C-alpha atoms as a PDB file:
ATOM      1  CA  MET A   1      19.769 -66.835  35.966  1.00  0.00           C
ATOM      2  CA  ASP A   2      19.752 -63.094  37.034  1.00  0.00           C
ATOM      3  CA  ALA A   3      18.195 -61.063  39.754  1.00  0.00           C
ATOM      4  CA  SER A   4      15.020 -60.430  37.699  1.00  0.00           C
ATOM      5  CA  ALA A   5      14.645 -64.180  37.246  1.00  0.00           C
ATOM      6  CA  LEU A   6      14.820 -64.707  40.941  1.00  0.00           C
ATOM      7  CA  ARG A   7      12.221 -61.966  41.632  1.00  0.00           C
ATOM      8  CA  LEU A   8       9.800 -63.460  39.134  1.00  0.00           C
ATOM      9  CA  VAL A   9      10.062 -67.030  40.606  1.00  0.00           C
ATOM     10  CA  LYS A  10       9.713 -65.750  44.168  1.00  0.00           C
ATOM     11  CA  ALA A  11       6.667 -63.536  43.110  1.00  0.00           C
ATOM     12  CA  ILE A  12       4.945 -66.553  41.537  1.00  0.00           C
ATOM     13  CA  GLY A  13       5.455 -68.529  44.741  1.00  0.00           C
ATOM     14  CA  ASP A  14       4.367 -65.583  46.955  1.00  0.00           C
ATOM     15  CA  THR A  15       1.159 -64.854  45.057  1.00  0.00           C
ATOM     16  CA  GLY A  16       0.284 -68.180  43.759  1.00  0.00           C
ATOM     17  CA  SER A  17      -0.364 -67.041  40.122  1.00  0.00           C
ATOM     18  CA  PHE A  18       1.085 -65.518  37.049  1.00  0.00           C
ATOM     19  CA  THR A  19      -1.662 -62.727  37.327  1.00  0.00           C
ATOM     20  CA  GLY A  20      -0.445 -61.937  40.873  1.00  0.00           C
ATOM     21  CA  ALA A  21       3.246 -62.000  40.081  1.00  0.00           C
ATOM     22  CA  ALA A  22       2.642 -59.657  37.036  1.00  0.00           C
ATOM     23  CA  ALA A  23       0.762 -57.182  39.252  1.00  0.00           C
ATOM     24  CA  ALA A  24       3.561 -57.405  41.883  1.00  0.00           C
ATOM     25  CA  LEU A  25       6.353 -56.728  39.451  1.00  0.00           C
ATOM     26  CA  GLY A  26       4.461 -54.377  37.136  1.00  0.00           C
ATOM     27  CA  LEU A  27       4.508 -56.834  34.181  1.00  0.00           C
ATOM     28  CA  SER A  28       1.853 -58.062  31.692  1.00  0.00           C
ATOM     29  CA  GLN A  29       0.697 -61.617  32.302  1.00  0.00           C
ATOM     30  CA  PRO A  30       1.911 -62.698  28.738  1.00  0.00           C
ATOM     31  CA  ALA A  31       5.301 -61.324  29.607  1.00  0.00           C
ATOM     32  CA  VAL A  32       5.476 -63.460  32.846  1.00  0.00           C
ATOM     33  CA  SER A  33       4.416 -66.559  31.031  1.00  0.00           C
ATOM     34  CA  GLN A  34       6.913 -65.926  28.244  1.00  0.00           C
ATOM     35  CA  ARG A  35       9.883 -65.217  30.898  1.00  0.00           C
ATOM     36  CA  VAL A  36       8.920 -68.326  32.801  1.00  0.00           C
ATOM     37  CA  ARG A  37       9.032 -70.685  29.653  1.00  0.00           C
ATOM     38  CA  ARG A  38      12.304 -69.091  28.892  1.00  0.00           C
ATOM     39  CA  LEU A  39      13.778 -69.760  32.325  1.00  0.00           C
ATOM     40  CA  GLU A  40      12.518 -73.452  32.252  1.00  0.00           C
ATOM     41  CA  ARG A  41      14.401 -73.911  29.037  1.00  0.00           C
ATOM     42  CA  GLU A  42      17.474 -72.400  30.673  1.00  0.00           C
ATOM     43  CA  ALA A  43      17.003 -74.514  33.716  1.00  0.00           C
ATOM     44  CA  GLY A  44      16.167 -77.621  32.034  1.00  0.00           C
ATOM     45  CA  THR A  45      13.428 -78.451  34.213  1.00  0.00           C
ATOM     46  CA  ALA A  46       9.922 -77.279  35.028  1.00  0.00           C
ATOM     47  CA  LEU A  47       9.790 -74.431  37.603  1.00  0.00           C
ATOM     48  CA  VAL A  48       6.059 -74.004  37.847  1.00  0.00           C
ATOM     49  CA  GLU A  49       2.997 -76.281  37.694  1.00  0.00           C
ATOM     50  CA  ARG A  50      -0.736 -75.481  37.511  1.00  0.00           C
ATOM     51  CA  SER A  51      -3.288 -77.039  39.768  1.00  0.00           C
ATOM     52  CA  GLY A  52      -6.758 -75.767  38.908  1.00  0.00           C
ATOM     53  CA  ARG A  53      -6.782 -72.099  39.024  1.00  0.00           C
ATOM     54  CA  ARG A  54      -3.734 -71.964  41.212  1.00  0.00           C
ATOM     55  CA  THR A  55      -0.150 -72.029  40.067  1.00  0.00           C
ATOM     56  CA  ARG A  56       2.570 -73.686  42.374  1.00  0.00           C
ATOM     57  CA  LEU A  57       6.252 -74.039  42.179  1.00  0.00           C
ATOM     58  CA  THR A  58       7.860 -77.365  41.474  1.00  0.00           C
ATOM     59  CA  GLN A  59      10.516 -78.537  43.754  1.00  0.00           C
ATOM     60  CA  ALA A  60      13.166 -76.856  41.448  1.00  0.00           C
ATOM     61  CA  GLY A  61      11.085 -73.663  41.647  1.00  0.00           C
ATOM     62  CA  GLU A  62      10.962 -73.812  45.298  1.00  0.00           C
ATOM     63  CA  VAL A  63      14.888 -74.141  45.381  1.00  0.00           C
ATOM     64  CA  LEU A  64      15.145 -70.997  43.313  1.00  0.00           C
ATOM     65  CA  ALA A  65      12.497 -69.070  45.530  1.00  0.00           C
ATOM     66  CA  ARG A  66      14.414 -70.081  48.733  1.00  0.00           C
ATOM     67  CA  HIS A  67      17.651 -68.811  47.455  1.00  0.00           C
ATOM     68  CA  ALA A  68      16.098 -65.753  45.990  1.00  0.00           C
ATOM     69  CA  SER A  69      15.252 -64.379  49.336  1.00  0.00           C
ATOM     70  CA  THR A  70      18.939 -64.456  50.424  1.00  0.00           C
ATOM     71  CA  VAL A  71      20.351 -63.321  47.059  1.00  0.00           C
ATOM     72  CA  LEU A  72      18.007 -60.440  46.742  1.00  0.00           C
ATOM     73  CA  ALA A  73      18.622 -59.196  50.303  1.00  0.00           C
ATOM     74  CA  THR A  74      22.360 -59.456  49.709  1.00  0.00           C
ATOM     75  CA  LEU A  75      22.061 -57.624  46.477  1.00  0.00           C
ATOM     76  CA  ALA A  76      19.874 -54.868  48.125  1.00  0.00           C
ATOM     77  CA  ALA A  77      22.506 -54.569  50.694  1.00  0.00           C
ATOM     78  CA  ALA A  78      25.204 -54.253  48.230  1.00  0.00           C
ATOM     79  CA  GLU A  79      23.206 -51.537  46.329  1.00  0.00           C
ATOM     80  CA  GLU A  80      22.755 -49.576  49.349  1.00  0.00           C
ATOM     81  CA  GLU A  81      26.426 -49.798  50.173  1.00  0.00           C
ATOM     82  CA  VAL A  82      27.340 -48.679  46.665  1.00  0.00           C
ATOM     83  CA  ALA A  83      24.906 -45.779  46.918  1.00  0.00           C
ATOM     84  CA  ALA A  84      26.385 -44.734  50.356  1.00  0.00           C
ATOM     85  CA  VAL A  85      29.887 -44.744  48.803  1.00  0.00           C
ATOM     86  CA  ALA A  86      28.807 -42.783  45.629  1.00  0.00           C
ATOM     87  CA  GLY A  87      26.951 -40.289  47.924  1.00  0.00           C
ATOM     88  CA  LEU A  88      29.933 -40.032  50.185  1.00  0.00           C
ATOM     89  CA  ARG A  89      27.887 -41.257  53.167  1.00  0.00           C
ATOM     90  CA  ALA A  90      30.540 -43.962  53.409  1.00  0.00           C
ATOM     91  CA  GLY A  91      33.845 -44.952  51.797  1.00  0.00           C
ATOM     92  CA  ARG A  92      37.402 -45.133  52.453  1.00  0.00           C
ATOM     93  CA  VAL A  93      40.581 -43.335  51.355  1.00  0.00           C
ATOM     94  CA  ARG A  94      44.137 -44.362  52.116  1.00  0.00           C
ATOM     95  CA  LEU A  95      46.578 -41.500  52.007  1.00  0.00           C
ATOM     96  CA  VAL A  96      50.480 -41.315  52.073  1.00  0.00           C
ATOM     97  CA  ALA A  97      52.218 -38.087  52.354  1.00  0.00           C
ATOM     98  CA  PHE A  98      55.859 -36.758  52.758  1.00  0.00           C
ATOM     99  CA  PRO A  99      56.636 -35.326  56.262  1.00  0.00           C
ATOM    100  CA  SER A 100      56.601 -31.727  55.662  1.00  0.00           C
ATOM    101  CA  SER A 101      52.993 -32.016  53.866  1.00  0.00           C
ATOM    102  CA  SER A 102      51.766 -34.243  56.677  1.00  0.00           C
ATOM    103  CA  ALA A 103      52.494 -31.516  59.104  1.00  0.00           C
ATOM    104  CA  THR A 104      50.991 -28.673  57.199  1.00  0.00           C
ATOM    105  CA  LEU A 105      48.625 -29.329  54.272  1.00  0.00           C
ATOM    106  CA  LEU A 106      47.294 -32.827  55.467  1.00  0.00           C
ATOM    107  CA  PRO A 107      45.659 -31.930  58.803  1.00  0.00           C
ATOM    108  CA  ARG A 108      43.647 -29.162  57.421  1.00  0.00           C
ATOM    109  CA  ALA A 109      42.662 -31.189  54.396  1.00  0.00           C
ATOM    110  CA  LEU A 110      41.513 -34.109  56.929  1.00  0.00           C
ATOM    111  CA  ARG A 111      39.610 -31.683  58.906  1.00  0.00           C
ATOM    112  CA  LEU A 112      37.600 -30.514  55.861  1.00  0.00           C
ATOM    113  CA  LEU A 113      36.764 -34.089  54.943  1.00  0.00           C
ATOM    114  CA  ARG A 114      35.726 -35.060  58.254  1.00  0.00           C
ATOM    115  CA  ASP A 115      33.365 -31.864  58.453  1.00  0.00           C
ATOM    116  CA  ARG A 116      31.983 -32.362  54.973  1.00  0.00           C
ATOM    117  CA  HIS A 117      31.763 -36.294  54.785  1.00  0.00           C
ATOM    118  CA  PRO A 118      31.810 -37.675  58.261  1.00  0.00           C
ATOM    119  CA  GLY A 119      30.981 -41.161  56.995  1.00  0.00           C
ATOM    120  CA  LEU A 120      34.458 -41.373  55.262  1.00  0.00           C
ATOM    121  CA  ARG A 121      37.115 -43.440  56.750  1.00  0.00           C
ATOM    122  CA  VAL A 122      40.478 -41.871  56.164  1.00  0.00           C
ATOM    123  CA  SER A 123      43.865 -43.602  57.067  1.00  0.00           C
ATOM    124  CA  PHE A 124      47.256 -41.955  56.684  1.00  0.00           C
ATOM    125  CA  ALA A 125      50.892 -42.987  56.545  1.00  0.00           C
ATOM    126  CA  GLU A 126      54.289 -41.128  55.980  1.00  0.00           C
ATOM    127  CA  ALA A 127      56.578 -41.824  53.113  1.00  0.00           C
ATOM    128  CA  GLU A 128      58.815 -39.949  50.699  1.00  0.00           C
ATOM    129  CA  PRO A 129      58.545 -40.318  46.958  1.00  0.00           C
ATOM    130  CA  PRO A 130      59.458 -42.296  44.977  1.00  0.00           C
ATOM    131  CA  GLY A 131      58.620 -44.986  47.367  1.00  0.00           C
ATOM    132  CA  SER A 132      55.150 -43.643  48.118  1.00  0.00           C
ATOM    133  CA  LEU A 133      54.285 -43.669  44.337  1.00  0.00           C
ATOM    134  CA  ALA A 134      55.514 -47.173  44.046  1.00  0.00           C
ATOM    135  CA  ASP A 135      53.000 -48.179  46.925  1.00  0.00           C
ATOM    136  CA  LEU A 136      50.274 -46.124  45.214  1.00  0.00           C
ATOM    137  CA  ARG A 137      50.879 -48.335  42.103  1.00  0.00           C
ATOM    138  CA  GLU A 138      50.705 -51.444  44.007  1.00  0.00           C
ATOM    139  CA  GLY A 139      47.343 -50.506  45.487  1.00  0.00           C
ATOM    140  CA  THR A 140      48.477 -49.947  49.158  1.00  0.00           C
ATOM    141  CA  TYR A 141      47.284 -46.406  48.917  1.00  0.00           C
ATOM    142  CA  ASP A 142      44.652 -44.337  47.090  1.00  0.00           C
ATOM    143  CA  VAL A 143      46.270 -40.893  47.051  1.00  0.00           C
ATOM    144  CA  ALA A 144      49.981 -39.810  47.480  1.00  0.00           C
ATOM    145  CA  LEU A 145      51.286 -36.382  48.251  1.00  0.00           C
ATOM    146  CA  ALA A 146      54.604 -35.999  46.403  1.00  0.00           C
ATOM    147  CA  PHE A 147      56.954 -33.304  45.151  1.00  0.00           C
ATOM    148  CA  SER A 148      59.364 -32.652  42.398  1.00  0.00           C
ATOM    149  CA  TYR A 149      62.297 -30.175  41.986  1.00  0.00           C
ATOM    150  CA  PRO A 150      62.862 -27.818  39.072  1.00  0.00           C
ATOM    151  CA  GLY A 151      64.718 -29.181  36.140  1.00  0.00           C
ATOM    152  CA  ALA A 152      63.464 -32.853  36.814  1.00  0.00           C
ATOM    153  CA  ASP A 153      60.342 -34.823  36.211  1.00  0.00           C
ATOM    154  CA  LEU A 154      58.630 -36.211  39.230  1.00  0.00           C
ATOM    155  CA  GLY A 155      61.330 -38.671  40.597  1.00  0.00           C
ATOM    156  CA  ARG A 156      63.787 -37.823  38.092  1.00  0.00           C
ATOM    157  CA  GLY A 157      62.557 -40.696  35.915  1.00  0.00           C
ATOM    158  CA  GLU A 158      62.306 -42.985  38.948  1.00  0.00           C
ATOM    159  CA  ASP A 159      58.509 -42.519  38.924  1.00  0.00           C
ATOM    160  CA  ASP A 160      56.895 -43.199  35.440  1.00  0.00           C
ATOM    161  CA  LEU A 161      53.568 -41.285  35.663  1.00  0.00           C
ATOM    162  CA  ALA A 162      51.929 -43.544  33.097  1.00  0.00           C
ATOM    163  CA  GLY A 163      48.602 -44.545  34.516  1.00  0.00           C
ATOM    164  CA  LEU A 164      48.797 -41.903  37.217  1.00  0.00           C
ATOM    165  CA  VAL A 165      47.073 -38.507  37.593  1.00  0.00           C
ATOM    166  CA  ALA A 166      49.183 -35.753  39.226  1.00  0.00           C
ATOM    167  CA  VAL A 167      46.964 -32.757  40.458  1.00  0.00           C
ATOM    168  CA  PRO A 168      49.131 -29.789  41.043  1.00  0.00           C
ATOM    169  CA  LEU A 169      48.808 -28.186  44.622  1.00  0.00           C
ATOM    170  CA  LEU A 170      51.302 -25.516  45.125  1.00  0.00           C
ATOM    171  CA  ALA A 171      54.760 -24.171  44.422  1.00  0.00           C
ATOM    172  CA  ASP A 172      56.857 -24.489  47.777  1.00  0.00           C
ATOM    173  CA  PRO A 173      59.660 -21.948  47.920  1.00  0.00           C
ATOM    174  CA  LEU A 174      63.038 -23.235  48.816  1.00  0.00           C
ATOM    175  CA  LEU A 175      64.939 -21.287  51.547  1.00  0.00           C
ATOM    176  CA  VAL A 176      68.481 -21.458  52.972  1.00  0.00           C
ATOM    177  CA  ALA A 177      68.815 -22.174  56.743  1.00  0.00           C
ATOM    178  CA  LEU A 178      71.711 -20.416  58.386  1.00  0.00           C
ATOM    179  CA  PRO A 179      72.940 -20.097  62.010  1.00  0.00           C
ATOM    180  CA  GLU A 180      72.133 -16.710  63.317  1.00  0.00           C
ATOM    181  CA  GLU A 181      75.825 -15.723  63.571  1.00  0.00           C
ATOM    182  CA  HIS A 182      76.474 -16.601  59.761  1.00  0.00           C
ATOM    183  CA  PRO A 183      77.834 -13.609  57.830  1.00  0.00           C
ATOM    184  CA  LEU A 184      74.930 -13.958  55.322  1.00  0.00           C
ATOM    185  CA  ALA A 185      72.261 -14.131  58.007  1.00  0.00           C
ATOM    186  CA  GLY A 186      71.363 -10.363  57.543  1.00  0.00           C
ATOM    187  CA  ALA A 187      70.996 -10.669  53.786  1.00  0.00           C
ATOM    188  CA  ALA A 188      67.659 -10.153  52.068  1.00  0.00           C
ATOM    189  CA  ALA A 189      68.283 -13.157  49.783  1.00  0.00           C
ATOM    190  CA  VAL A 190      71.311 -15.374  49.453  1.00  0.00           C
ATOM    191  CA  ASP A 191      73.002 -16.648  46.105  1.00  0.00           C
ATOM    192  CA  LEU A 192      73.815 -20.314  46.366  1.00  0.00           C
ATOM    193  CA  ALA A 193      77.228 -19.663  45.003  1.00  0.00           C
ATOM    194  CA  ALA A 194      78.113 -17.539  48.021  1.00  0.00           C
ATOM    195  CA  LEU A 195      77.777 -20.734  50.124  1.00  0.00           C
ATOM    196  CA  ALA A 196      80.272 -22.860  47.977  1.00  0.00           C
ATOM    197  CA  GLY A 197      82.735 -23.020  50.927  1.00  0.00           C
ATOM    198  CA  GLU A 198      80.072 -24.187  53.529  1.00  0.00           C
ATOM    199  CA  THR A 199      79.593 -27.529  55.119  1.00  0.00           C
ATOM    200  CA  TRP A 200      76.044 -28.760  54.170  1.00  0.00           C
ATOM    201  CA  ILE A 201      73.323 -30.755  55.865  1.00  0.00           C
ATOM    202  CA  ALA A 202      71.258 -32.668  53.351  1.00  0.00           C
ATOM    203  CA  GLY A 203      67.630 -33.941  53.638  1.00  0.00           C
ATOM    204  CA  CYS A 204      65.921 -36.846  51.888  1.00  0.00           C
ATOM    205  CA  PRO A 205      67.524 -38.728  48.927  1.00  0.00           C
ATOM    206  CA  ARG A 206      65.416 -36.688  46.430  1.00  0.00           C
ATOM    207  CA  CYS A 207      66.383 -33.552  48.439  1.00  0.00           C
ATOM    208  CA  ARG A 208      69.906 -34.200  48.495  1.00  0.00           C
ATOM    209  CA  GLY A 209      69.848 -35.033  44.658  1.00  0.00           C
ATOM    210  CA  HIS A 210      68.403 -31.528  44.014  1.00  0.00           C
ATOM    211  CA  LEU A 211      71.043 -30.065  46.290  1.00  0.00           C
ATOM    212  CA  LEU A 212      73.864 -31.530  44.123  1.00  0.00           C
ATOM    213  CA  GLN A 213      72.179 -30.466  40.944  1.00  0.00           C
ATOM    214  CA  ALA A 214      71.596 -26.896  42.039  1.00  0.00           C
ATOM    215  CA  ALA A 215      75.084 -26.588  43.650  1.00  0.00           C
ATOM    216  CA  ALA A 216      76.609 -27.889  40.245  1.00  0.00           C
ATOM    217  CA  ALA A 217      74.637 -25.258  38.408  1.00  0.00           C
ATOM    218  CA  ALA A 218      76.003 -22.591  40.778  1.00  0.00           C
ATOM    219  CA  GLY A 219      79.549 -23.972  40.083  1.00  0.00           C
ATOM    220  CA  PHE A 220      80.486 -26.079  43.126  1.00  0.00           C
ATOM    221  CA  ALA A 221      80.272 -29.450  44.586  1.00  0.00           C
ATOM    222  CA  PRO A 222      78.780 -29.178  48.120  1.00  0.00           C
ATOM    223  CA  GLU A 223      80.534 -30.903  51.228  1.00  0.00           C
ATOM    224  CA  VAL A 224      77.714 -32.774  52.630  1.00  0.00           C
ATOM    225  CA  ALA A 225      78.611 -33.831  56.293  1.00  0.00           C
ATOM    226  CA  PHE A 226      75.200 -34.822  57.507  1.00  0.00           C
ATOM    227  CA  ALA A 227      72.012 -36.197  56.013  1.00  0.00           C
ATOM    228  CA  THR A 228      68.656 -36.627  57.826  1.00  0.00           C
ATOM    229  CA  ASP A 229      65.028 -36.872  56.660  1.00  0.00           C
ATOM    230  CA  ASP A 230      64.135 -35.067  59.962  1.00  0.00           C
ATOM    231  CA  TYR A 231      63.839 -31.447  59.297  1.00  0.00           C
ATOM    232  CA  VAL A 232      63.715 -30.664  63.103  1.00  0.00           C
ATOM    233  CA  ALA A 233      67.046 -32.444  63.424  1.00  0.00           C
ATOM    234  CA  MET A 234      68.409 -30.647  60.349  1.00  0.00           C
ATOM    235  CA  LEU A 235      67.673 -27.209  61.828  1.00  0.00           C
ATOM    236  CA  GLY A 236      69.131 -28.368  65.182  1.00  0.00           C
ATOM    237  CA  LEU A 237      72.189 -29.115  63.321  1.00  0.00           C
ATOM    238  CA  VAL A 238      72.199 -25.726  61.678  1.00  0.00           C
ATOM    239  CA  GLU A 239      71.523 -24.088  65.007  1.00  0.00           C
ATOM    240  CA  ALA A 240      74.588 -25.869  66.490  1.00  0.00           C
ATOM    241  CA  GLY A 241      76.620 -24.177  63.733  1.00  0.00           C
ATOM    242  CA  LEU A 242      77.474 -27.613  61.944  1.00  0.00           C
ATOM    243  CA  GLY A 243      76.419 -26.387  58.663  1.00  0.00           C
ATOM    244  CA  VAL A 244      73.860 -24.723  56.345  1.00  0.00           C
ATOM    245  CA  ALA A 245      70.864 -26.441  54.644  1.00  0.00           C
ATOM    246  CA  LEU A 246      68.261 -25.983  52.004  1.00  0.00           C
ATOM    247  CA  VAL A 247      64.600 -26.278  53.531  1.00  0.00           C
ATOM    248  CA  PRO A 248      61.242 -25.901  51.736  1.00  0.00           C
ATOM    249  CA  ALA A 249      58.986 -23.097  53.126  1.00  0.00           C
ATOM    250  CA  LEU A 250      56.363 -25.823  54.269  1.00  0.00           C
ATOM    251  CA  VAL A 251      58.911 -26.963  56.914  1.00  0.00           C
ATOM    252  CA  GLN A 252      59.383 -23.304  58.274  1.00  0.00           C
ATOM    253  CA  ARG A 253      55.721 -23.288  59.467  1.00  0.00           C
ATOM    254  CA  THR A 254      56.230 -26.168  61.786  1.00  0.00           C
ATOM    255  CA  ALA A 255      59.852 -26.748  62.521  1.00  0.00           C
ATOM    256  CA  ARG A 256      61.665 -23.640  63.763  1.00  0.00           C
ATOM    257  CA  HIS A 257      64.752 -22.897  65.927  1.00  0.00           C
ATOM    258  CA  HIS A 258      65.294 -19.469  67.609  1.00  0.00           C
ATOM    259  CA  ARG A 259      68.979 -19.158  66.496  1.00  0.00           C
ATOM    260  CA  VAL A 260      68.327 -20.388  62.828  1.00  0.00           C
ATOM    261  CA  VAL A 261      67.756 -17.718  60.112  1.00  0.00           C
ATOM    262  CA  VAL A 262      65.905 -18.746  56.955  1.00  0.00           C
ATOM    263  CA  ARG A 263      66.390 -16.664  53.687  1.00  0.00           C
ATOM    264  CA  PRO A 264      65.171 -16.896  50.130  1.00  0.00           C
ATOM    265  CA  LEU A 265      67.554 -17.898  47.411  1.00  0.00           C
ATOM    266  CA  ASP A 266      68.691 -15.392  44.663  1.00  0.00           C
ATOM    267  CA  PRO A 267      67.662 -16.321  42.195  1.00  0.00           C
ATOM    268  CA  PRO A 268      64.538 -17.898  43.623  1.00  0.00           C
ATOM    269  CA  ALA A 269      63.928 -21.774  43.512  1.00  0.00           C
ATOM    270  CA  GLU A 270      60.846 -23.805  44.431  1.00  0.00           C
ATOM    271  CA  ARG A 271      59.704 -27.260  44.372  1.00  0.00           C
ATOM    272  CA  GLN A 272      56.263 -28.482  42.939  1.00  0.00           C
ATOM    273  CA  VAL A 273      53.811 -30.243  45.424  1.00  0.00           C
ATOM    274  CA  VAL A 274      51.194 -32.501  43.868  1.00  0.00           C
ATOM    275  CA  ALA A 275      48.609 -35.131  44.847  1.00  0.00           C
ATOM    276  CA  VAL A 276      48.912 -38.165  42.744  1.00  0.00           C
ATOM    277  CA  THR A 277      46.280 -41.070  42.179  1.00  0.00           C
ATOM    278  CA  THR A 278      45.560 -43.601  39.490  1.00  0.00           C
ATOM    279  CA  GLU A 279      43.433 -42.969  36.351  1.00  0.00           C
ATOM    280  CA  GLY A 280      40.791 -45.445  37.802  1.00  0.00           C
ATOM    281  CA  LEU A 281      40.657 -44.051  41.376  1.00  0.00           C
ATOM    282  CA  VAL A 282      40.344 -40.507  40.290  1.00  0.00           C
ATOM    283  CA  ARG A 283      36.587 -41.206  39.444  1.00  0.00           C
ATOM    284  CA  VAL A 284      35.889 -42.698  42.879  1.00  0.00           C
ATOM    285  CA  PRO A 285      33.776 -40.053  44.798  1.00  0.00           C
ATOM    286  CA  ALA A 286      35.856 -40.372  48.056  1.00  0.00           C
ATOM    287  CA  VAL A 287      39.205 -39.983  46.193  1.00  0.00           C
ATOM    288  CA  ALA A 288      37.605 -36.940  44.242  1.00  0.00           C
ATOM    289  CA  ALA A 289      36.551 -35.375  47.465  1.00  0.00           C
ATOM    290  CA  THR A 290      39.968 -35.867  49.013  1.00  0.00           C
ATOM    291  CA  LEU A 291      41.733 -34.230  46.054  1.00  0.00           C
ATOM    292  CA  ALA A 292      39.231 -31.321  46.230  1.00  0.00           C
ATOM    293  CA  ALA A 293      40.026 -30.771  49.968  1.00  0.00           C
ATOM    294  CA  LEU A 294      43.800 -30.886  49.229  1.00  0.00           C
ATOM    295  CA  ARG A 295      43.441 -28.336  46.483  1.00  0.00           C
ATOM    296  CA  GLU A 296      41.445 -26.193  48.658  1.00  0.00           C
ATOM    297  CA  VAL A 297      43.831 -26.051  51.620  1.00  0.00           C
ATOM    298  CA  ALA A 298      46.876 -25.739  49.140  1.00  0.00           C
ATOM    299  CA  ALA A 299      45.114 -22.518  47.723  1.00  0.00           C
ATOM    300  CA  HIS A 300      45.677 -20.973  51.216  1.00  0.00           C
ATOM    301  CA  PRO A 301      48.880 -22.453  52.628  1.00  0.00           C
END
């Protein structure tokens, strides 16, 4: 029993004849008769009865006609909602982003989405990978902003990307943050090996892992005295002369201290920033629009 069957029974009840129902639905009268016979076989009972030149619904037919109004109205509402989502007049996107991207890329992307698709509802939370990617897999979020460091897959094997789609956004240069009185503060660029004897301030677990890896490649094991996910706190510790730190360039745009100097590394290093979603969600118009906005703002960081 499908929507077309309900429409047919309702049309017969409304018009009082096969001819009227055929005209209302754009069908031929023989097609209506054939469809009614098939419906009656499927229902196991008569749905219409003829009384002279008029056709009436049986009790079973009246039951179907009564429910048809509700079912067809609900179906029409569902079709309208789907059309609104497909046409970006409505829809929902749940974002999760790591802090330095949520302070830089995300606000401009959200502004683009609001201007272009005001009917979209966007929610946002902060989390670092790989936790954010685990939440994405579980369906808590639709799009995750994540990052990876050179020499390692996204998550260093912690994040299996099977079934996920990673959209490259930008290469984010890594900088070394030094107190302004540091002997290397005036250098154009700093070799990581020159900081072998320094006290270090590390960031998030993934960032700390990269620091250990990069320092090992430069021939030393860093003495990490402090660790914090808060880059403002990290730069405050650097300013106080308590250590040096590696910070991504995105952080420099929003977290600055007057007595902290940032210098590029020699040789240069960078992390890759990506937007991640699932293979199924990438075809959803609201998610596709979100990815497009992120790519657009990342092109002009």
